[in-house]
Every structure is written in structure tokens, then in C-alpha cells.
Protein backbone atom coordinates (compact mmCIF):
# COMPACT_ATOMS: atom_id res chain seq x y z
CA MET A 1 -18.75 0.01 -7.10
CA SER A 2 -16.55 2.34 -5.05
CA ASP A 3 -13.48 1.07 -3.23
CA TYR A 4 -14.10 -0.27 0.25
CA LEU A 5 -12.66 -2.63 2.85
CA ILE A 6 -14.35 -5.09 5.17
CA LYS A 7 -13.25 -6.51 8.49
CA ALA A 8 -14.61 -9.91 9.46
CA LEU A 9 -14.32 -12.86 11.81
CA ALA A 10 -14.74 -16.48 10.78
CA TYR A 11 -14.95 -19.99 12.20
CA ASP A 12 -16.38 -18.93 15.55
CA ASN A 13 -13.89 -16.08 16.01
CA GLN A 14 -10.87 -18.29 15.40
CA VAL A 15 -9.99 -16.35 12.27
CA ARG A 16 -9.63 -12.61 11.59
CA ALA A 17 -10.05 -11.52 7.99
CA TYR A 18 -9.82 -8.43 5.79
CA ALA A 19 -10.70 -7.94 2.14
CA VAL A 20 -10.61 -4.85 -0.02
CA ARG A 21 -11.37 -3.47 -3.47
CA THR A 22 -8.69 -0.91 -4.46
CA THR A 23 -9.35 -0.46 -8.19
CA ASP A 24 -10.01 3.30 -8.06
CA THR A 25 -7.34 3.88 -5.41
CA VAL A 26 -4.60 2.16 -7.40
CA GLY A 27 -5.96 3.84 -10.53
CA GLU A 28 -5.44 7.24 -8.91
CA ALA A 29 -1.85 6.33 -8.07
CA GLN A 30 -1.30 5.11 -11.64
CA ARG A 31 -2.69 8.35 -13.04
CA ARG A 32 -0.65 10.59 -10.75
CA HIS A 33 2.65 8.76 -11.28
CA TYR A 34 2.05 7.51 -14.84
CA THR A 35 3.24 4.05 -13.85
CA TRP A 36 3.75 1.42 -16.56
CA PRO A 37 2.03 -1.98 -16.10
CA THR A 38 4.67 -3.89 -14.10
CA ALA A 39 5.29 -0.87 -11.85
CA SER A 40 1.50 -0.43 -11.47
CA ALA A 41 1.15 -4.04 -10.33
CA ALA A 42 3.96 -3.71 -7.80
CA LEU A 43 2.77 -0.38 -6.39
CA GLY A 44 -0.87 -1.51 -6.42
CA ARG A 45 -0.12 -4.73 -4.55
CA ALA A 46 1.87 -2.80 -1.93
CA MET A 47 -0.88 -0.20 -1.52
CA THR A 48 -3.56 -2.90 -1.27
CA ALA A 49 -1.66 -4.70 1.49
CA GLY A 50 -0.91 -1.35 3.11
CA VAL A 51 -4.51 -0.19 3.33
CA MET A 52 -5.55 -3.50 4.94
CA MET A 53 -2.68 -3.26 7.44
CA GLY A 54 -3.72 0.31 8.20
CA ALA A 55 -7.22 -0.96 8.96
CA MET A 56 -5.69 -3.08 11.73
CA LEU A 57 -4.69 0.12 13.55
CA LYS A 58 -6.86 2.36 15.72
CA GLY A 59 -7.62 6.08 15.99
CA GLU A 60 -4.93 8.36 14.59
CA ASN A 61 -2.32 5.61 14.26
CA LYS A 62 -0.59 5.15 10.92
CA LEU A 63 2.10 3.10 9.25
CA THR A 64 4.71 3.29 6.52
CA ILE A 65 5.82 0.39 4.35
CA LYS A 66 9.14 0.45 2.51
CA ILE A 67 10.00 -2.27 0.01
CA GLU A 68 13.61 -2.35 -1.17
CA GLY A 69 14.20 -5.51 -3.16
CA GLY A 70 17.20 -4.40 -5.18
CA GLY A 71 15.29 -4.56 -8.47
CA PRO A 72 15.09 -1.94 -11.25
CA ILE A 73 11.84 -0.49 -9.92
CA GLY A 74 13.73 0.92 -6.92
CA PRO A 75 12.21 1.42 -3.45
CA ILE A 76 8.41 1.42 -3.05
CA LEU A 77 6.93 3.57 -0.27
CA VAL A 78 3.36 3.32 1.04
CA ASP A 79 1.65 5.27 3.85
CA SER A 80 -1.71 4.26 5.32
CA ASP A 81 -3.87 4.95 8.35
CA ALA A 82 -6.75 3.44 10.33
CA LYS A 83 -9.37 5.33 8.27
CA GLY A 84 -8.93 3.75 4.85
CA HIS A 85 -6.57 6.40 3.47
CA VAL A 86 -3.49 5.27 1.57
CA ARG A 87 -0.86 6.85 -0.64
CA GLY A 88 2.23 5.48 -2.32
CA TYR A 89 4.90 5.85 -4.96
CA VAL A 90 7.56 3.80 -6.69
CA THR A 91 11.00 5.26 -7.43
CA ASN A 92 11.07 4.27 -11.12
CA PRO A 93 7.43 4.35 -12.26
CA GLN A 94 8.20 3.70 -15.93
CA THR A 95 9.35 0.12 -15.33
CA HIS A 96 7.87 -2.70 -17.40
CA PHE A 97 8.87 -6.19 -18.59
CA ASP A 98 7.41 -8.93 -20.74
CA LEU A 99 5.02 -11.29 -18.94
CA ASN A 100 6.61 -14.03 -16.84
CA GLN A 101 6.36 -17.78 -17.49
CA GLN A 102 2.93 -17.88 -15.84
CA GLY A 103 1.69 -15.21 -18.25
CA LYS A 104 1.52 -12.59 -15.50
CA LEU A 105 3.16 -9.21 -14.95
CA ASP A 106 6.71 -9.91 -13.76
CA VAL A 107 6.53 -8.08 -10.42
CA ALA A 108 9.29 -10.17 -8.83
CA ARG A 109 11.75 -9.14 -11.54
CA ALA A 110 10.85 -5.48 -11.07
CA VAL A 111 10.95 -5.54 -7.25
CA GLY A 112 13.94 -7.83 -6.84
CA THR A 113 14.57 -10.48 -4.19
CA THR A 114 17.72 -9.34 -2.43
CA GLY A 115 16.46 -6.70 -0.03
CA MET A 116 14.10 -5.99 2.85
CA LEU A 117 10.45 -5.23 3.56
CA THR A 118 10.14 -2.75 6.42
CA VAL A 119 7.00 -1.71 8.28
CA VAL A 120 7.08 1.28 10.64
CA LYS A 121 4.01 1.80 12.83
CA ASP A 122 3.30 5.12 14.54
CA ILE A 123 0.97 4.05 17.33
CA GLY A 124 1.31 7.12 19.52
CA MET A 125 4.17 5.82 21.66
CA ARG A 126 7.45 7.64 22.19
CA GLU A 127 9.15 5.30 19.74
CA ASN A 128 7.65 3.77 16.61
CA PHE A 129 7.35 0.01 16.18
CA THR A 130 9.56 -1.23 13.34
CA GLY A 131 9.40 -4.70 11.81
CA GLN A 132 11.75 -5.83 9.06
CA VAL A 133 12.05 -9.07 7.09
CA PRO A 134 13.99 -10.21 4.02
CA ILE A 135 12.05 -10.25 0.77
CA VAL A 136 11.37 -13.90 -0.03
CA SER A 137 9.77 -13.82 -3.49
CA GLY A 138 9.33 -10.25 -4.74
CA GLU A 139 5.73 -11.06 -5.66
CA LEU A 140 4.73 -9.14 -2.49
CA GLY A 141 1.75 -11.26 -1.38
CA GLU A 142 4.14 -13.94 -0.14
CA ASP A 143 6.44 -11.28 1.26
CA PHE A 144 3.69 -9.72 3.39
CA THR A 145 2.66 -13.22 4.50
CA TYR A 146 6.24 -13.83 5.63
CA TYR A 147 6.29 -10.43 7.40
CA PHE A 148 3.25 -11.28 9.52
CA VAL A 149 4.57 -14.71 10.46
CA SER A 150 8.15 -13.61 11.19
CA SER A 151 7.81 -10.08 12.55
CA GLU A 152 4.40 -10.13 14.24
CA GLN A 153 4.18 -13.89 14.94
CA VAL A 154 0.69 -14.05 13.39
CA PRO A 155 0.10 -16.98 11.01
CA SER A 156 -1.40 -15.25 7.97
CA SER A 157 -2.16 -15.54 4.29
CA VAL A 158 -1.99 -12.42 2.11
CA GLY A 159 -3.39 -12.27 -1.41
CA VAL A 160 -3.04 -9.08 -3.47
CA GLY A 161 -3.67 -8.57 -7.17
CA VAL A 162 -3.71 -5.85 -9.83
CA LEU A 163 -4.92 -6.13 -13.43
CA VAL A 164 -3.86 -3.51 -15.96
CA ASN A 165 -5.69 -2.45 -19.14
CA PRO A 166 -3.89 -2.20 -22.52
CA ASP A 167 -3.89 1.61 -22.16
CA ASN A 168 -2.02 1.30 -18.79
CA THR A 169 -5.08 2.23 -16.68
CA ILE A 170 -6.13 -0.10 -13.85
CA LEU A 171 -8.76 -2.71 -14.71
CA ALA A 172 -9.10 -4.14 -11.21
CA ALA A 173 -7.22 -4.31 -7.90
CA GLY A 174 -7.85 -5.78 -4.47
CA GLY A 175 -6.84 -8.38 -1.94
CA PHE A 176 -7.36 -10.22 1.32
CA ILE A 177 -5.55 -10.99 4.57
CA ILE A 178 -6.50 -14.07 6.61
CA GLN A 179 -5.06 -14.37 10.13
CA LEU A 180 -5.29 -17.23 12.60
CA MET A 181 -6.01 -16.26 16.19
CA PRO A 182 -4.22 -18.03 19.08
CA GLY A 183 -5.82 -21.41 19.74
CA THR A 184 -7.22 -21.94 16.24
CA SER A 185 -8.09 -25.63 15.92
CA GLU A 186 -6.14 -27.95 13.62
CA GLU A 187 -9.40 -28.76 11.85
CA THR A 188 -10.02 -25.10 11.00
CA ILE A 189 -6.41 -24.64 9.84
CA SER A 190 -6.73 -27.70 7.62
CA ILE A 191 -9.98 -26.46 6.05
CA ILE A 192 -8.53 -23.01 5.31
CA GLU A 193 -5.31 -24.44 3.88
CA GLN A 194 -7.37 -26.67 1.61
CA ARG A 195 -9.52 -23.77 0.40
CA LEU A 196 -6.49 -21.53 -0.19
CA SER A 197 -4.85 -24.24 -2.27
CA THR A 198 -7.84 -24.59 -4.59
CA ILE A 199 -9.26 -21.07 -5.05
CA GLU A 200 -8.47 -19.07 -8.16
CA PRO A 201 -5.74 -16.40 -7.98
CA ILE A 202 -6.90 -13.20 -6.33
CA SER A 203 -6.50 -11.31 -9.62
CA LYS A 204 -9.01 -13.69 -11.25
CA LEU A 205 -11.52 -13.16 -8.44
CA ILE A 206 -11.12 -9.41 -8.83
CA GLN A 207 -11.47 -9.63 -12.61
CA LYS A 208 -14.78 -11.45 -12.16
CA GLY A 209 -16.01 -8.46 -10.18
CA LEU A 210 -16.28 -10.15 -6.79
CA THR A 211 -16.94 -7.79 -3.89
CA PRO A 212 -14.70 -7.88 -0.80
CA GLU A 213 -17.42 -9.92 0.95
CA GLU A 214 -17.53 -12.42 -1.91
CA ILE A 215 -13.73 -12.72 -1.90
CA LEU A 216 -13.85 -13.79 1.76
CA PHE A 217 -16.71 -16.17 1.01
CA GLU A 218 -14.50 -17.80 -1.65
CA VAL A 219 -11.52 -18.05 0.68
CA LEU A 220 -13.29 -19.08 3.90
CA GLY A 221 -16.75 -20.31 2.96
CA GLU A 222 -19.80 -18.03 3.17
CA GLU A 223 -21.37 -19.87 6.08
CA HIS A 224 -18.27 -19.26 8.22
CA VAL A 225 -17.83 -15.50 7.68
CA LYS A 226 -19.24 -12.78 9.94
CA VAL A 227 -18.68 -9.26 8.56
CA LEU A 228 -18.01 -6.73 11.33
CA GLU A 229 -17.32 -3.45 9.57
CA LYS A 230 -17.25 -1.80 6.16
CA MET A 231 -14.94 1.14 5.48
CA PRO A 232 -14.48 3.35 2.39
CA VAL A 233 -10.98 3.36 0.91
CA GLU A 234 -9.27 6.10 -1.10
CA PHE A 235 -5.95 7.50 -2.27
CA ARG A 236 -5.34 10.51 -0.05
CA CYS A 237 -2.19 12.55 0.40
CA HIS A 238 -1.71 14.90 3.34
CA CYS A 239 0.69 17.25 1.61
CA SER A 240 -0.47 20.87 1.39
CA ARG A 241 0.80 24.31 0.52
CA GLU A 242 1.00 25.07 4.23
CA ARG A 243 3.21 22.03 4.90
CA ILE A 244 5.54 22.94 2.03
CA SER A 245 5.67 26.55 3.26
CA ASN A 246 6.68 25.34 6.72
CA ALA A 247 9.35 23.12 5.17
CA LEU A 248 10.76 26.11 3.30
CA ILE A 249 10.68 28.24 6.47
CA SER A 250 12.63 25.52 8.28
CA LEU A 251 15.48 26.00 5.78
CA GLY A 252 16.28 29.34 7.44
CA LYS A 253 16.68 32.92 6.19
CA GLU A 254 20.04 32.38 4.48
CA GLU A 255 18.93 29.39 2.45
CA ILE A 256 15.70 31.10 1.35
CA GLN A 257 17.69 34.22 0.37
CA SER A 258 19.99 31.99 -1.69
CA ILE A 259 16.98 30.55 -3.53
CA ILE A 260 15.65 34.06 -4.20
CA GLU A 261 19.02 35.23 -5.59
CA GLU A 262 19.61 32.15 -7.74
CA ASP A 263 16.14 31.29 -9.02
CA GLU A 264 13.76 34.07 -7.93
CA GLN A 265 11.17 31.35 -7.33
CA ALA A 266 10.79 27.86 -5.88
CA GLU A 267 8.96 24.72 -6.91
CA ALA A 268 8.36 21.77 -4.61
CA GLN A 269 6.87 18.44 -5.63
CA CYS A 270 5.35 15.82 -3.35
CA HIS A 271 6.78 12.34 -3.95
CA PHE A 272 3.56 10.63 -2.90
CA CYS A 273 1.03 12.43 -5.09
CA ASN A 274 3.18 14.36 -7.62
CA GLU A 275 1.41 17.62 -6.74
CA LYS A 276 3.55 20.66 -7.52
CA TYR A 277 3.67 23.83 -5.42
CA GLN A 278 5.02 27.08 -6.90
CA PHE A 279 6.33 29.98 -4.81
CA SER A 280 7.00 33.40 -6.35
CA LYS A 281 9.81 35.71 -5.31
CA GLU A 282 7.33 37.76 -3.29
CA GLU A 283 6.05 34.68 -1.49
CA LEU A 284 9.60 33.56 -0.72
CA GLU A 285 10.36 37.01 0.73
CA GLU A 286 7.34 36.60 2.98
CA LEU A 287 8.46 33.14 4.12
CA LYS A 288 11.95 34.49 4.80
CA GLU A 289 10.47 36.98 7.26
CA ASN A 290 9.11 34.06 9.30
CA ALA A 291 12.33 32.05 9.17
CA MET A 292 15.06 31.92 11.79
């Protein structure tokens, strides 16, 4: 099964829902950054939430999530768009701890609980929309839930999970977001709260191999869910040699000349995908000609 996301409505359009499988996507991030298990879980949860939040956008809109909890993992950055593309990195990818008291990867310890979760949306306006909330648990699912309620005033429930194999590769990853529309009846709210309190953890549902559709059926009840759209999901970075070249040109003639004299070459590395770009002395001379 390839990674994909579904958008759905439920309970006669009172509820908006998203669910996604991100196993391959998070696996690509793990491979590129060589994250250790606890870091993989933190980055994977953030990317899973990020790709679902991106799916809430339209057209060419995109968003950036920054999680700074004060923990040893350092800041986590995730970019996503409305087309199912997501990329992300964690500052200290080789972060890992023993399992917590619940026998799970100790994401909260890695992320920390003394900082902020920030979401910046580029929706084509002159100024970006920025929402920021304190981190409440460091587990990230609860933190994104708090973000929606506090910053966007949308009662929501966010479940994200990542399972890691003994060899550090990703066994399974995915999640869901349930949002109540204005005017949702108390009866519907009560039913959903009851179901959320009794379902297995999202990581267990993913481990069992449930599809995004089946995850929503578990959370909301199959008879209540109406799937609207299915969208492929993938790790995709928009760095390129051309972008890096333009960044070097923007340094100006003097700075490029300094690089040529000191190193006779240049190497640039993308934080998001770890791709390296090499520039020879001859190539730098060429870039210098185009610089101011």
C-alpha cells in the first residue's frame, strides 16, 4: 500500500475528518536524516500532522510548522502543501531514550514541554497567517489538538503515531484529524468523545495495517463516514541546484571571490532532505559573473 490521505465528512456534515498513511514518507525522512527511534517518532508525528494540515489548504498555498519544546531533540521543522507533499527535519536526529512508563518511545522527553508550536500559513496574501501556542505535552498529538482549539478555534482531535523497527527503519506511520463544524449537536459530540475514549492508540491501528478509511471507520463509525477525496502523499523537497546557485549569486561578487580564494570550491547541503550540491572553482567563477 502506498501512502495516501483521505478527506471525509461524517454525521451529516457535522464533522470534517482527515486520515493518512505516512509509512513510506516518514521512512524516506528517516533514511535521509538517519534519525534514531525517538527522533523518528517525533519527526514522523510532526510530518503526519503537517501533511494533513496541508491538505486543508487550497491551490498553491503551503505551511510551515516549527516545534521548539526545549528538549534535547532541538527544533523540528516541517513544510507541507495542499498537494500531499511534505518534508521535514529535526535538529538533532541521533536522539534516543529508553521507552517511557507506558512502554512507548519517549517523544515528550525528546521534544520537551517548555516551548512553542508555531504554524505559518502562506495563503497568497501580503502577510502570512501565523498561529502559535505553548506546547502542552510534547507528545505532539495533544499539542496539535491544542493548536486547533486555541489558535484556529476549531474543536479537534489529532492522533498521530509512528512505529520503528529494531533496525531503525519505519514499520508504520499515520494519523487522523477530527474536527467539529459549527453547530455540531451535543449528541454527535458525545458519541465521538465516547468512541475516542475507547479506540486503540493510533499506533496500534496502524500496526494492524488499517487503511486511512478504516482508521476513520474506527474513530467515527463506518456508517457515519462519507469519503470525499483521496490524495497521494510523499516526501518531496523543492531544493535544486538552480535554487542553490541563485542563493550563492545573492551573496555577491566579493563573497563568492572570497570562497574561491579560500576553498576553491563550495558545498551546500539542504537541511530538509540532506542533499548535497558541489560547485567547482570554474562554476563559482561563472556564478560570480552573474552576481552584483
